[in-house]
Amino acid sequence: MIIMKNILMEKELLKSFGKNVKEIRLSQEISQEELALKAELDRTYISGIERGLRNVSLINIFKISKALDVTAPELLLDLENIKIKE
């Protein structure tokens, strides 16, 4: 039961992080391709992040934050509030 809750929590964290990246990217009216180029990452990697499928490394969080001209903590906003329903 605890393992299942941890897996669900991890999935929610990834989805929320991806949502934050996507919202900021769209607010700046840049494409996934443009973000990928600025961050020196692959477009499919950015897509996977935004869909909550990729577990992003710390280095890539900083690359993305720099490319979006935001701080890394801005990308992580509200992640600490994720709770899994019992």
N, C-alpha and C. Protein backbone atom coordinates (compact mmCIF):
# COMPACT_ATOMS: atom_id res chain seq x y z
N MET A 1 0.82 -1.19 0.00
CA MET A 1 0.00 0.00 0.00
C MET A 1 0.86 1.27 0.00
N ILE A 2 1.90 1.29 0.83
CA ILE A 2 2.79 2.46 0.91
C ILE A 2 3.53 2.64 -0.41
N ILE A 3 3.99 1.56 -1.01
CA ILE A 3 4.70 1.64 -2.28
C ILE A 3 3.79 2.22 -3.35
N MET A 4 2.54 1.77 -3.39
CA MET A 4 1.59 2.27 -4.38
C MET A 4 1.34 3.76 -4.19
N LYS A 5 1.23 4.21 -2.94
CA LYS A 5 1.02 5.63 -2.66
C LYS A 5 2.23 6.44 -3.13
N ASN A 6 3.43 5.91 -2.92
CA ASN A 6 4.64 6.61 -3.36
C ASN A 6 4.69 6.72 -4.88
N ILE A 7 4.31 5.67 -5.56
CA ILE A 7 4.29 5.68 -7.03
C ILE A 7 3.28 6.71 -7.53
N LEU A 8 2.11 6.74 -6.94
CA LEU A 8 1.09 7.72 -7.32
C LEU A 8 1.56 9.13 -7.05
N MET A 9 2.23 9.32 -5.92
CA MET A 9 2.74 10.65 -5.59
C MET A 9 3.81 11.08 -6.59
N GLU A 10 4.68 10.18 -6.96
CA GLU A 10 5.72 10.49 -7.94
C GLU A 10 5.09 10.89 -9.28
N LYS A 11 4.08 10.17 -9.70
CA LYS A 11 3.40 10.50 -10.96
C LYS A 11 2.75 11.88 -10.89
N GLU A 12 2.14 12.20 -9.76
CA GLU A 12 1.52 13.51 -9.59
C GLU A 12 2.57 14.63 -9.60
N LEU A 13 3.71 14.37 -8.99
CA LEU A 13 4.79 15.36 -9.01
C LEU A 13 5.26 15.63 -10.43
N LEU A 14 5.46 14.57 -11.20
CA LEU A 14 5.90 14.72 -12.58
C LEU A 14 4.87 15.47 -13.42
N LYS A 15 3.60 15.13 -13.23
CA LYS A 15 2.54 15.83 -13.98
C LYS A 15 2.49 17.31 -13.62
N SER A 16 2.60 17.62 -12.34
CA SER A 16 2.53 19.01 -11.90
C SER A 16 3.73 19.81 -12.38
N PHE A 17 4.91 19.22 -12.33
CA PHE A 17 6.09 19.90 -12.84
C PHE A 17 5.92 20.18 -14.33
N GLY A 18 5.48 19.17 -15.07
CA GLY A 18 5.26 19.33 -16.51
C GLY A 18 4.23 20.40 -16.82
N LYS A 19 3.19 20.45 -16.01
CA LYS A 19 2.16 21.47 -16.19
C LYS A 19 2.75 22.86 -15.98
N ASN A 20 3.58 23.02 -14.96
CA ASN A 20 4.22 24.31 -14.70
C ASN A 20 5.08 24.73 -15.88
N VAL A 21 5.89 23.81 -16.40
CA VAL A 21 6.75 24.11 -17.55
C VAL A 21 5.89 24.55 -18.74
N LYS A 22 4.85 23.79 -19.02
CA LYS A 22 4.00 24.09 -20.17
C LYS A 22 3.31 25.44 -20.02
N GLU A 23 2.77 25.72 -18.84
CA GLU A 23 2.07 27.00 -18.62
C GLU A 23 3.02 28.19 -18.82
N ILE A 24 4.22 28.08 -18.29
CA ILE A 24 5.18 29.17 -18.45
C ILE A 24 5.58 29.31 -19.91
N ARG A 25 5.84 28.18 -20.56
CA ARG A 25 6.23 28.20 -21.98
C ARG A 25 5.13 28.85 -22.83
N LEU A 26 3.89 28.45 -22.61
CA LEU A 26 2.78 29.00 -23.39
C LEU A 26 2.57 30.48 -23.09
N SER A 27 2.78 30.87 -21.83
CA SER A 27 2.61 32.29 -21.48
C SER A 27 3.64 33.16 -22.20
N GLN A 28 4.76 32.57 -22.55
CA GLN A 28 5.81 33.28 -23.28
C GLN A 28 5.67 33.11 -24.80
N GLU A 29 4.65 32.35 -25.18
CA GLU A 29 4.35 32.11 -26.60
C GLU A 29 5.55 31.53 -27.36
N ILE A 30 6.18 30.53 -26.74
CA ILE A 30 7.25 29.84 -27.45
C ILE A 30 6.88 28.37 -27.61
N SER A 31 7.36 27.78 -28.66
CA SER A 31 7.05 26.38 -28.96
C SER A 31 7.95 25.45 -28.15
N GLN A 32 7.58 24.19 -28.13
CA GLN A 32 8.43 23.19 -27.50
C GLN A 32 9.79 23.16 -28.19
N GLU A 33 9.78 23.31 -29.50
CA GLU A 33 11.02 23.31 -30.27
C GLU A 33 11.93 24.46 -29.83
N GLU A 34 11.36 25.65 -29.68
CA GLU A 34 12.15 26.81 -29.26
C GLU A 34 12.72 26.60 -27.85
N LEU A 35 11.89 26.10 -26.95
CA LEU A 35 12.35 25.83 -25.60
C LEU A 35 13.48 24.80 -25.62
N ALA A 36 13.29 23.75 -26.38
CA ALA A 36 14.31 22.71 -26.47
C ALA A 36 15.64 23.27 -26.97
N LEU A 37 15.58 24.10 -28.00
CA LEU A 37 16.80 24.70 -28.53
C LEU A 37 17.49 25.58 -27.49
N LYS A 38 16.71 26.42 -26.82
CA LYS A 38 17.27 27.31 -25.80
C LYS A 38 17.88 26.52 -24.63
N ALA A 39 17.26 25.43 -24.27
CA ALA A 39 17.71 24.62 -23.13
C ALA A 39 18.73 23.55 -23.54
N GLU A 40 19.00 23.46 -24.83
CA GLU A 40 19.91 22.45 -25.36
C GLU A 40 19.45 21.04 -25.00
N LEU A 41 18.14 20.83 -25.20
CA LEU A 41 17.51 19.53 -24.97
C LEU A 41 16.73 19.15 -26.21
N ASP A 42 16.30 17.91 -26.29
CA ASP A 42 15.52 17.45 -27.43
C ASP A 42 14.06 17.84 -27.27
N ARG A 43 13.38 18.16 -28.37
CA ARG A 43 11.97 18.54 -28.31
C ARG A 43 11.12 17.42 -27.74
N THR A 44 11.44 16.18 -28.06
CA THR A 44 10.65 15.06 -27.53
C THR A 44 10.82 14.92 -26.02
N TYR A 45 11.97 15.33 -25.52
CA TYR A 45 12.22 15.32 -24.07
C TYR A 45 11.32 16.37 -23.41
N ILE A 46 11.25 17.56 -23.99
CA ILE A 46 10.37 18.62 -23.47
C ILE A 46 8.92 18.14 -23.49
N SER A 47 8.52 17.51 -24.57
CA SER A 47 7.16 16.97 -24.67
C SER A 47 6.89 15.96 -23.56
N GLY A 48 7.83 15.08 -23.33
CA GLY A 48 7.69 14.08 -22.26
C GLY A 48 7.58 14.71 -20.89
N ILE A 49 8.34 15.78 -20.66
CA ILE A 49 8.27 16.50 -19.39
C ILE A 49 6.87 17.09 -19.22
N GLU A 50 6.40 17.78 -20.25
CA GLU A 50 5.10 18.45 -20.16
C GLU A 50 3.95 17.46 -19.98
N ARG A 51 4.14 16.24 -20.44
CA ARG A 51 3.09 15.22 -20.27
C ARG A 51 3.27 14.40 -18.99
N GLY A 52 4.29 14.75 -18.20
CA GLY A 52 4.51 14.05 -16.93
C GLY A 52 5.12 12.68 -17.08
N LEU A 53 5.82 12.46 -18.18
CA LEU A 53 6.39 11.14 -18.44
C LEU A 53 7.88 11.05 -18.12
N ARG A 54 8.53 12.19 -17.91
CA ARG A 54 9.98 12.20 -17.70
C ARG A 54 10.31 12.66 -16.29
N ASN A 55 11.24 11.95 -15.67
CA ASN A 55 11.76 12.36 -14.37
C ASN A 55 12.98 13.23 -14.67
N VAL A 56 12.85 14.51 -14.47
CA VAL A 56 13.83 15.49 -14.91
C VAL A 56 14.98 15.61 -13.91
N SER A 57 16.21 15.62 -14.42
CA SER A 57 17.37 15.78 -13.56
C SER A 57 17.48 17.23 -13.09
N LEU A 58 18.21 17.43 -12.03
CA LEU A 58 18.43 18.77 -11.50
C LEU A 58 19.09 19.66 -12.55
N ILE A 59 20.05 19.13 -13.26
CA ILE A 59 20.73 19.90 -14.30
C ILE A 59 19.75 20.37 -15.36
N ASN A 60 18.84 19.48 -15.78
CA ASN A 60 17.87 19.86 -16.80
C ASN A 60 16.81 20.82 -16.28
N ILE A 61 16.50 20.75 -15.00
CA ILE A 61 15.59 21.75 -14.41
C ILE A 61 16.22 23.13 -14.55
N PHE A 62 17.50 23.23 -14.26
CA PHE A 62 18.17 24.53 -14.37
C PHE A 62 18.30 24.97 -15.82
N LYS A 63 18.53 24.05 -16.75
CA LYS A 63 18.59 24.41 -18.17
C LYS A 63 17.24 24.97 -18.62
N ILE A 64 16.17 24.31 -18.21
CA ILE A 64 14.82 24.75 -18.59
C ILE A 64 14.50 26.10 -17.96
N SER A 65 14.84 26.25 -16.69
CA SER A 65 14.53 27.52 -16.02
C SER A 65 15.30 28.67 -16.68
N LYS A 66 16.54 28.44 -17.04
CA LYS A 66 17.32 29.48 -17.71
C LYS A 66 16.72 29.80 -19.08
N ALA A 67 16.33 28.76 -19.81
CA ALA A 67 15.74 28.96 -21.14
C ALA A 67 14.42 29.73 -21.06
N LEU A 68 13.67 29.53 -19.99
CA LEU A 68 12.39 30.23 -19.80
C LEU A 68 12.56 31.55 -19.05
N ASP A 69 13.77 31.83 -18.63
CA ASP A 69 14.08 33.05 -17.88
C ASP A 69 13.25 33.15 -16.60
N VAL A 70 13.18 32.04 -15.88
CA VAL A 70 12.54 31.98 -14.57
C VAL A 70 13.50 31.27 -13.62
N THR A 71 13.22 31.32 -12.35
CA THR A 71 14.05 30.59 -11.40
C THR A 71 13.59 29.13 -11.33
N ALA A 72 14.50 28.26 -10.92
CA ALA A 72 14.14 26.86 -10.76
C ALA A 72 12.98 26.69 -9.77
N PRO A 73 12.99 27.42 -8.64
CA PRO A 73 11.84 27.29 -7.73
C PRO A 73 10.49 27.64 -8.37
N GLU A 74 10.49 28.55 -9.33
CA GLU A 74 9.23 28.88 -10.01
C GLU A 74 8.68 27.66 -10.75
N LEU A 75 9.57 26.84 -11.28
CA LEU A 75 9.12 25.63 -11.97
C LEU A 75 8.58 24.59 -10.99
N LEU A 76 9.00 24.71 -9.74
CA LEU A 76 8.62 23.73 -8.72
C LEU A 76 7.47 24.20 -7.84
N LEU A 77 6.89 25.37 -8.18
CA LEU A 77 5.81 25.92 -7.36
C LEU A 77 4.68 24.91 -7.16
N ASP A 78 4.20 24.87 -5.94
CA ASP A 78 3.04 24.06 -5.54
C ASP A 78 3.29 22.55 -5.54
N LEU A 79 4.48 22.09 -5.86
CA LEU A 79 4.72 20.65 -5.85
C LEU A 79 4.68 20.08 -4.43
N GLU A 80 5.06 20.89 -3.45
CA GLU A 80 5.06 20.39 -2.07
C GLU A 80 3.64 20.20 -1.54
N ASN A 81 2.64 20.75 -2.23
CA ASN A 81 1.26 20.62 -1.78
C ASN A 81 0.54 19.41 -2.35
N ILE A 82 1.24 18.59 -3.12
CA ILE A 82 0.61 17.42 -3.72
C ILE A 82 0.31 16.38 -2.64
N LYS A 83 -0.90 15.95 -2.63
CA LYS A 83 -1.32 14.92 -1.68
C LYS A 83 -2.06 13.83 -2.48
N ILE A 84 -1.88 12.62 -2.07
CA ILE A 84 -2.55 11.49 -2.72
C ILE A 84 -3.79 11.16 -1.92
N LYS A 85 -4.91 11.08 -2.61
CA LYS A 85 -6.18 10.74 -1.95
C LYS A 85 -6.16 9.28 -1.56
N GLU A 86 -6.64 9.00 -0.37
CA GLU A 86 -6.66 7.62 0.14
C GLU A 86 -7.86 6.87 -0.39
